Amino acid sequence: MHILHVSTWGAVEIIKQSKYLGAPVTCEVCPHHFSLTEEDMPPFDTNWKMNPPLRTKVDVDIILAALKDGVIDCISTDHAPHATYEKDAPFDEAPFGIVGLETAVGVTLTYLTHKGILTPLETIRMMSTRPAEIFRLDAGTLKPGRTPIAQVTVIDPNIEWTFDVSKTFSKGRNSPYHGMTLRGKTMLTFSGGNVYTDALYPAERHSLRS
């Protein structure tokens, strides 16, 4: 059994006990559930409306401890883009979900890796190798003959950049991270013989550190 989008201390405790008893259970957490709390949310801002919702600082602290202890197996985005007109509605009527693909690496490095909760290798494992193992995907490895096409991401862990929804590749603009400065970014992606680069933030590249 794989548990999606863990967000509460109660869920963490149940999963922890299940693993202790030998149950075949794995789980994942989304970046917004370890970096944001319900107190951070502006009143009735639908770009912060998600399911599960943001939780308390106590929940976040226990999730951070579970990440550090290895109770949580991997990190996922729960990427859910919506048209602006869908989110530009009364809070109760707006759909759940936020965009998360472009901020996942930056948020994870900023809130976990650079704070010593995960090592760089643990971060990579939780975002690539471990998910591939859990779902038996032919990915997440550089071993010859194991992966049919190149799937490599190059990350600068120290570059500082500010996420701007007007520059996003997604058609969705529904992100709670708009205007937030993050440390760490995906710079290049090799996939199937193609090379993809992010040319939307050229100014910030001058802040590269040795």
C-alpha atoms as a PDB file:
ATOM      1  CA  MET A   1       0.000   0.000   0.000  1.00  0.00           C
ATOM      2  CA  HIS A   2       1.278   3.446  -0.938  1.00  0.00           C
ATOM      3  CA  ILE A   3      -0.143   6.406   1.012  1.00  0.00           C
ATOM      4  CA  LEU A   4      -0.473   9.641  -0.963  1.00  0.00           C
ATOM      5  CA  HIS A   5       0.027  13.214   0.282  1.00  0.00           C
ATOM      6  CA  VAL A   6       0.744  12.657   3.966  1.00  0.00           C
ATOM      7  CA  SER A   7      -0.065  15.898   5.795  1.00  0.00           C
ATOM      8  CA  THR A   8      -0.874  15.186   9.458  1.00  0.00           C
ATOM      9  CA  TRP A   9       0.945  13.895  12.527  1.00  0.00           C
ATOM     10  CA  GLY A  10      -1.713  11.195  12.913  1.00  0.00           C
ATOM     11  CA  ALA A  11      -0.986   9.802   9.456  1.00  0.00           C
ATOM     12  CA  VAL A  12       2.731   9.786  10.224  1.00  0.00           C
ATOM     13  CA  GLU A  13       2.169   7.830  13.443  1.00  0.00           C
ATOM     14  CA  ILE A  14      -0.052   5.217  11.750  1.00  0.00           C
ATOM     15  CA  ILE A  15       2.474   4.720   8.946  1.00  0.00           C
ATOM     16  CA  LYS A  16       5.353   4.531  11.416  1.00  0.00           C
ATOM     17  CA  GLN A  17       3.606   1.858  13.481  1.00  0.00           C
ATOM     18  CA  SER A  18       2.596  -0.065  10.346  1.00  0.00           C
ATOM     19  CA  LYS A  19       6.192  -0.190   9.162  1.00  0.00           C
ATOM     20  CA  TYR A  20       7.365  -1.245  12.618  1.00  0.00           C
ATOM     21  CA  LEU A  21       4.939  -4.173  12.475  1.00  0.00           C
ATOM     22  CA  GLY A  22       6.275  -5.183   9.067  1.00  0.00           C
ATOM     23  CA  ALA A  23       3.386  -4.059   6.875  1.00  0.00           C
ATOM     24  CA  PRO A  24       4.304  -3.401   3.204  1.00  0.00           C
ATOM     25  CA  VAL A  25       3.522   0.326   3.414  1.00  0.00           C
ATOM     26  CA  THR A  26       5.212   3.254   1.696  1.00  0.00           C
ATOM     27  CA  CYS A  27       4.222   6.904   1.587  1.00  0.00           C
ATOM     28  CA  GLU A  28       4.935  10.307   0.124  1.00  0.00           C
ATOM     29  CA  VAL A  29       4.699  13.957   1.119  1.00  0.00           C
ATOM     30  CA  CYS A  30       4.282  17.085  -1.005  1.00  0.00           C
ATOM     31  CA  PRO A  31       6.588  20.110  -0.677  1.00  0.00           C
ATOM     32  CA  HIS A  32       3.755  22.400   0.432  1.00  0.00           C
ATOM     33  CA  HIS A  33       2.995  20.125   3.371  1.00  0.00           C
ATOM     34  CA  PHE A  34       6.518  20.418   4.802  1.00  0.00           C
ATOM     35  CA  SER A  35       7.158  24.080   3.928  1.00  0.00           C
ATOM     36  CA  LEU A  36       3.851  25.884   4.606  1.00  0.00           C
ATOM     37  CA  THR A  37       1.285  25.948   7.412  1.00  0.00           C
ATOM     38  CA  GLU A  38      -2.315  27.069   7.604  1.00  0.00           C
ATOM     39  CA  GLU A  39      -1.122  30.245   9.330  1.00  0.00           C
ATOM     40  CA  ASP A  40       0.838  31.245   6.204  1.00  0.00           C
ATOM     41  CA  MET A  41      -2.284  31.246   4.046  1.00  0.00           C
ATOM     42  CA  PRO A  42      -3.752  34.659   3.101  1.00  0.00           C
ATOM     43  CA  PRO A  43      -7.495  34.831   3.840  1.00  0.00           C
ATOM     44  CA  PHE A  44      -9.634  33.309   1.074  1.00  0.00           C
ATOM     45  CA  ASP A  45      -6.734  33.100  -1.416  1.00  0.00           C
ATOM     46  CA  THR A  46      -7.756  30.274  -3.743  1.00  0.00           C
ATOM     47  CA  ASN A  47      -4.177  29.788  -4.955  1.00  0.00           C
ATOM     48  CA  TRP A  48      -3.563  28.272  -1.525  1.00  0.00           C
ATOM     49  CA  LYS A  49      -6.582  25.972  -1.664  1.00  0.00           C
ATOM     50  CA  MET A  50      -5.460  22.364  -1.872  1.00  0.00           C
ATOM     51  CA  ASN A  51      -6.514  18.881  -0.804  1.00  0.00           C
ATOM     52  CA  PRO A  52      -5.332  17.870   1.752  1.00  0.00           C
ATOM     53  CA  PRO A  53      -5.275  21.425   3.075  1.00  0.00           C
ATOM     54  CA  LEU A  54      -2.332  23.047   4.795  1.00  0.00           C
ATOM     55  CA  ARG A  55      -1.945  21.935   8.402  1.00  0.00           C
ATOM     56  CA  THR A  56      -0.551  23.263  11.692  1.00  0.00           C
ATOM     57  CA  LYS A  57       3.075  23.871  12.616  1.00  0.00           C
ATOM     58  CA  VAL A  58       2.925  20.775  14.835  1.00  0.00           C
ATOM     59  CA  ASP A  59       1.989  18.663  11.805  1.00  0.00           C
ATOM     60  CA  VAL A  60       4.809  20.182   9.774  1.00  0.00           C
ATOM     61  CA  ASP A  61       7.371  19.624  12.527  1.00  0.00           C
ATOM     62  CA  ILE A  62       6.402  15.948  12.809  1.00  0.00           C
ATOM     63  CA  ILE A  63       6.523  15.533   9.021  1.00  0.00           C
ATOM     64  CA  LEU A  64      10.025  17.056   9.000  1.00  0.00           C
ATOM     65  CA  ALA A  65      11.094  14.587  11.693  1.00  0.00           C
ATOM     66  CA  ALA A  66       9.569  11.710   9.687  1.00  0.00           C
ATOM     67  CA  LEU A  67      11.503  12.810   6.604  1.00  0.00           C
ATOM     68  CA  LYS A  68      14.726  12.907   8.580  1.00  0.00           C
ATOM     69  CA  ASP A  69      14.064   9.496  10.171  1.00  0.00           C
ATOM     70  CA  GLY A  70      13.133   7.822   6.876  1.00  0.00           C
ATOM     71  CA  VAL A  71       9.500   7.131   7.799  1.00  0.00           C
ATOM     72  CA  ILE A  72       8.437   9.022   4.667  1.00  0.00           C
ATOM     73  CA  ASP A  73       9.723   7.343   1.515  1.00  0.00           C
ATOM     74  CA  CYS A  74       9.484   9.956  -1.203  1.00  0.00           C
ATOM     75  CA  ILE A  75       8.502  13.471  -2.241  1.00  0.00           C
ATOM     76  CA  SER A  76       5.837  14.185  -4.879  1.00  0.00           C
ATOM     77  CA  THR A  77       4.435  17.406  -6.329  1.00  0.00           C
ATOM     78  CA  ASP A  78       0.672  16.811  -6.528  1.00  0.00           C
ATOM     79  CA  HIS A  79       0.878  19.156  -9.553  1.00  0.00           C
ATOM     80  CA  ALA A  80      -2.670  20.367 -10.250  1.00  0.00           C
ATOM     81  CA  PRO A  81      -2.913  23.282 -12.692  1.00  0.00           C
ATOM     82  CA  HIS A  82      -6.180  25.149 -13.094  1.00  0.00           C
ATOM     83  CA  ALA A  83      -7.218  27.958 -15.416  1.00  0.00           C
ATOM     84  CA  THR A  84      -7.123  31.421 -13.875  1.00  0.00           C
ATOM     85  CA  TYR A  85     -10.860  31.866 -14.272  1.00  0.00           C
ATOM     86  CA  GLU A  86     -11.438  28.650 -12.316  1.00  0.00           C
ATOM     87  CA  LYS A  87      -9.379  29.858  -9.373  1.00  0.00           C
ATOM     88  CA  ASP A  88     -10.734  33.407  -9.666  1.00  0.00           C
ATOM     89  CA  ALA A  89     -13.938  32.374  -7.930  1.00  0.00           C
ATOM     90  CA  PRO A  90     -15.385  32.405  -4.396  1.00  0.00           C
ATOM     91  CA  PHE A  91     -13.222  30.257  -2.139  1.00  0.00           C
ATOM     92  CA  ASP A  92     -15.875  27.579  -1.593  1.00  0.00           C
ATOM     93  CA  GLU A  93     -16.445  27.224  -5.349  1.00  0.00           C
ATOM     94  CA  ALA A  94     -12.833  27.249  -6.557  1.00  0.00           C
ATOM     95  CA  PRO A  95     -11.212  23.880  -7.353  1.00  0.00           C
ATOM     96  CA  PHE A  96      -8.580  22.320  -5.129  1.00  0.00           C
ATOM     97  CA  GLY A  97      -4.956  22.148  -6.240  1.00  0.00           C
ATOM     98  CA  ILE A  98      -1.764  24.073  -6.957  1.00  0.00           C
ATOM     99  CA  VAL A  99       1.001  23.880  -9.539  1.00  0.00           C
ATOM    100  CA  GLY A 100       4.121  22.305  -8.108  1.00  0.00           C
ATOM    101  CA  LEU A 101       6.468  20.919 -10.753  1.00  0.00           C
ATOM    102  CA  GLU A 102       8.728  23.957 -11.179  1.00  0.00           C
ATOM    103  CA  THR A 103       9.033  24.707  -7.482  1.00  0.00           C
ATOM    104  CA  ALA A 104       9.430  21.146  -6.157  1.00  0.00           C
ATOM    105  CA  VAL A 105      13.230  21.034  -6.357  1.00  0.00           C
ATOM    106  CA  GLY A 106      13.708  24.585  -5.086  1.00  0.00           C
ATOM    107  CA  VAL A 107      11.330  24.159  -2.151  1.00  0.00           C
ATOM    108  CA  THR A 108      12.802  20.775  -1.202  1.00  0.00           C
ATOM    109  CA  LEU A 109      16.376  22.038  -1.270  1.00  0.00           C
ATOM    110  CA  THR A 110      15.464  25.238   0.581  1.00  0.00           C
ATOM    111  CA  TYR A 111      13.416  23.654   3.357  1.00  0.00           C
ATOM    112  CA  LEU A 112      15.038  20.225   3.689  1.00  0.00           C
ATOM    113  CA  THR A 113      18.528  19.923   2.206  1.00  0.00           C
ATOM    114  CA  HIS A 114      19.970  23.295   3.152  1.00  0.00           C
ATOM    115  CA  LYS A 115      18.534  22.939   6.654  1.00  0.00           C
ATOM    116  CA  GLY A 116      20.209  19.559   7.188  1.00  0.00           C
ATOM    117  CA  ILE A 117      17.005  17.529   7.361  1.00  0.00           C
ATOM    118  CA  LEU A 118      18.029  15.528   4.277  1.00  0.00           C
ATOM    119  CA  THR A 119      21.487  15.015   2.828  1.00  0.00           C
ATOM    120  CA  PRO A 120      21.937  15.762  -0.890  1.00  0.00           C
ATOM    121  CA  LEU A 121      21.929  12.035  -1.683  1.00  0.00           C
ATOM    122  CA  GLU A 122      18.821  11.442   0.432  1.00  0.00           C
ATOM    123  CA  THR A 123      17.119  14.302  -1.420  1.00  0.00           C
ATOM    124  CA  ILE A 124      17.922  12.757  -4.798  1.00  0.00           C
ATOM    125  CA  ARG A 125      16.776   9.345  -3.621  1.00  0.00           C
ATOM    126  CA  MET A 126      13.430  10.646  -2.347  1.00  0.00           C
ATOM    127  CA  MET A 127      12.727  12.517  -5.585  1.00  0.00           C
ATOM    128  CA  SER A 128      13.902   9.931  -8.117  1.00  0.00           C
ATOM    129  CA  THR A 129      15.364   6.563  -7.171  1.00  0.00           C
ATOM    130  CA  ARG A 130      12.952   5.594  -4.399  1.00  0.00           C
ATOM    131  CA  PRO A 131       9.743   6.493  -6.303  1.00  0.00           C
ATOM    132  CA  ALA A 132      11.029   4.437  -9.251  1.00  0.00           C
ATOM    133  CA  GLU A 133      11.601   1.470  -6.924  1.00  0.00           C
ATOM    134  CA  ILE A 134       8.183   1.743  -5.292  1.00  0.00           C
ATOM    135  CA  PHE A 135       6.278   1.881  -8.582  1.00  0.00           C
ATOM    136  CA  ARG A 136       8.656  -0.456 -10.430  1.00  0.00           C
ATOM    137  CA  LEU A 137       9.466   2.148 -13.056  1.00  0.00           C
ATOM    138  CA  ASP A 138      12.279   1.680 -15.533  1.00  0.00           C
ATOM    139  CA  ALA A 139      13.869   4.916 -14.360  1.00  0.00           C
ATOM    140  CA  GLY A 140      15.864   6.444 -11.547  1.00  0.00           C
ATOM    141  CA  THR A 141      19.153   4.712 -12.378  1.00  0.00           C
ATOM    142  CA  LEU A 142      22.167   5.356 -14.591  1.00  0.00           C
ATOM    143  CA  LYS A 143      23.093   1.673 -14.846  1.00  0.00           C
ATOM    144  CA  PRO A 144      23.744   0.535 -18.453  1.00  0.00           C
ATOM    145  CA  GLY A 145      20.849  -1.412 -19.881  1.00  0.00           C
ATOM    146  CA  ARG A 146      18.472  -0.450 -17.081  1.00  0.00           C
ATOM    147  CA  THR A 147      17.059   2.796 -18.460  1.00  0.00           C
ATOM    148  CA  PRO A 148      16.102   2.798 -22.168  1.00  0.00           C
ATOM    149  CA  ILE A 149      16.523   6.565 -22.644  1.00  0.00           C
ATOM    150  CA  ALA A 150      18.607   9.199 -20.887  1.00  0.00           C
ATOM    151  CA  GLN A 151      16.759  10.734 -17.944  1.00  0.00           C
ATOM    152  CA  VAL A 152      19.157  13.066 -16.154  1.00  0.00           C
ATOM    153  CA  THR A 153      18.513  16.312 -14.317  1.00  0.00           C
ATOM    154  CA  VAL A 154      21.298  18.796 -13.561  1.00  0.00           C
ATOM    155  CA  ILE A 155      20.676  20.870 -10.435  1.00  0.00           C
ATOM    156  CA  ASP A 156      22.472  23.923  -9.095  1.00  0.00           C
ATOM    157  CA  PRO A 157      21.835  23.566  -5.353  1.00  0.00           C
ATOM    158  CA  ASN A 158      22.990  27.080  -4.437  1.00  0.00           C
ATOM    159  CA  ILE A 159      21.494  29.387  -7.044  1.00  0.00           C
ATOM    160  CA  GLU A 160      18.973  31.795  -5.541  1.00  0.00           C
ATOM    161  CA  TRP A 161      15.922  32.685  -7.605  1.00  0.00           C
ATOM    162  CA  THR A 162      12.441  34.085  -7.119  1.00  0.00           C
ATOM    163  CA  PHE A 163       9.495  32.133  -8.447  1.00  0.00           C
ATOM    164  CA  ASP A 164       7.264  34.247 -10.673  1.00  0.00           C
ATOM    165  CA  VAL A 165       4.001  32.734 -11.920  1.00  0.00           C
ATOM    166  CA  SER A 166       4.118  35.014 -14.976  1.00  0.00           C
ATOM    167  CA  LYS A 167       7.268  33.137 -16.093  1.00  0.00           C
ATOM    168  CA  THR A 168       6.072  29.612 -15.427  1.00  0.00           C
ATOM    169  CA  PHE A 169       6.036  27.005 -18.185  1.00  0.00           C
ATOM    170  CA  SER A 170       2.687  25.768 -16.902  1.00  0.00           C
ATOM    171  CA  LYS A 171      -0.547  27.247 -18.157  1.00  0.00           C
ATOM    172  CA  GLY A 172      -1.652  27.223 -14.531  1.00  0.00           C
ATOM    173  CA  ARG A 173      -0.800  30.184 -12.318  1.00  0.00           C
ATOM    174  CA  ASN A 174      -2.208  28.782  -9.091  1.00  0.00           C
ATOM    175  CA  SER A 175       0.823  28.688  -6.804  1.00  0.00           C
ATOM    176  CA  PRO A 176       1.304  29.768  -3.183  1.00  0.00           C
ATOM    177  CA  TYR A 177       5.030  30.229  -3.899  1.00  0.00           C
ATOM    178  CA  HIS A 178       4.653  33.275  -6.143  1.00  0.00           C
ATOM    179  CA  GLY A 179       7.234  35.878  -5.114  1.00  0.00           C
ATOM    180  CA  MET A 180       9.121  33.461  -2.845  1.00  0.00           C
ATOM    181  CA  THR A 181      12.920  33.299  -3.040  1.00  0.00           C
ATOM    182  CA  LEU A 182      14.259  29.753  -3.167  1.00  0.00           C
ATOM    183  CA  ARG A 183      17.764  28.315  -3.052  1.00  0.00           C
ATOM    184  CA  GLY A 184      18.402  25.560  -5.577  1.00  0.00           C
ATOM    185  CA  LYS A 185      17.073  25.025  -9.088  1.00  0.00           C
ATOM    186  CA  THR A 186      16.905  22.592 -11.976  1.00  0.00           C
ATOM    187  CA  MET A 187      19.124  23.957 -14.741  1.00  0.00           C
ATOM    188  CA  LEU A 188      19.236  21.229 -17.403  1.00  0.00           C
ATOM    189  CA  THR A 189      17.241  18.109 -18.167  1.00  0.00           C
ATOM    190  CA  PHE A 190      18.362  15.364 -20.556  1.00  0.00           C
ATOM    191  CA  SER A 191      15.495  13.203 -21.780  1.00  0.00           C
ATOM    192  CA  GLY A 192      15.327  10.899 -24.758  1.00  0.00           C
ATOM    193  CA  GLY A 193      18.257  12.536 -26.529  1.00  0.00           C
ATOM    194  CA  ASN A 194      16.892  16.058 -26.020  1.00  0.00           C
ATOM    195  CA  VAL A 195      18.343  18.721 -23.742  1.00  0.00           C
ATOM    196  CA  TYR A 196      16.004  21.165 -22.010  1.00  0.00           C
ATOM    197  CA  THR A 197      17.191  24.314 -20.270  1.00  0.00           C
ATOM    198  CA  ASP A 198      15.429  27.029 -18.318  1.00  0.00           C
ATOM    199  CA  ALA A 199      16.183  30.374 -19.969  1.00  0.00           C
ATOM    200  CA  LEU A 200      13.545  32.292 -18.036  1.00  0.00           C
ATOM    201  CA  TYR A 201      15.749  33.403 -15.150  1.00  0.00           C
ATOM    202  CA  PRO A 202      19.005  34.672 -16.785  1.00  0.00           C
ATOM    203  CA  ALA A 203      19.626  37.474 -14.262  1.00  0.00           C
ATOM    204  CA  GLU A 204      19.660  35.174 -11.257  1.00  0.00           C
ATOM    205  CA  ARG A 205      22.420  33.041 -12.763  1.00  0.00           C
ATOM    206  CA  HIS A 206      24.926  35.727 -11.809  1.00  0.00           C
ATOM    207  CA  SER A 207      24.364  34.661  -8.179  1.00  0.00           C
ATOM    208  CA  LEU A 208      26.063  31.277  -8.704  1.00  0.00           C
ATOM    209  CA  ARG A 209      28.346  30.413  -5.792  1.00  0.00           C
ATOM    210  CA  SER A 210      31.482  28.321  -5.728  1.00  0.00           C
END
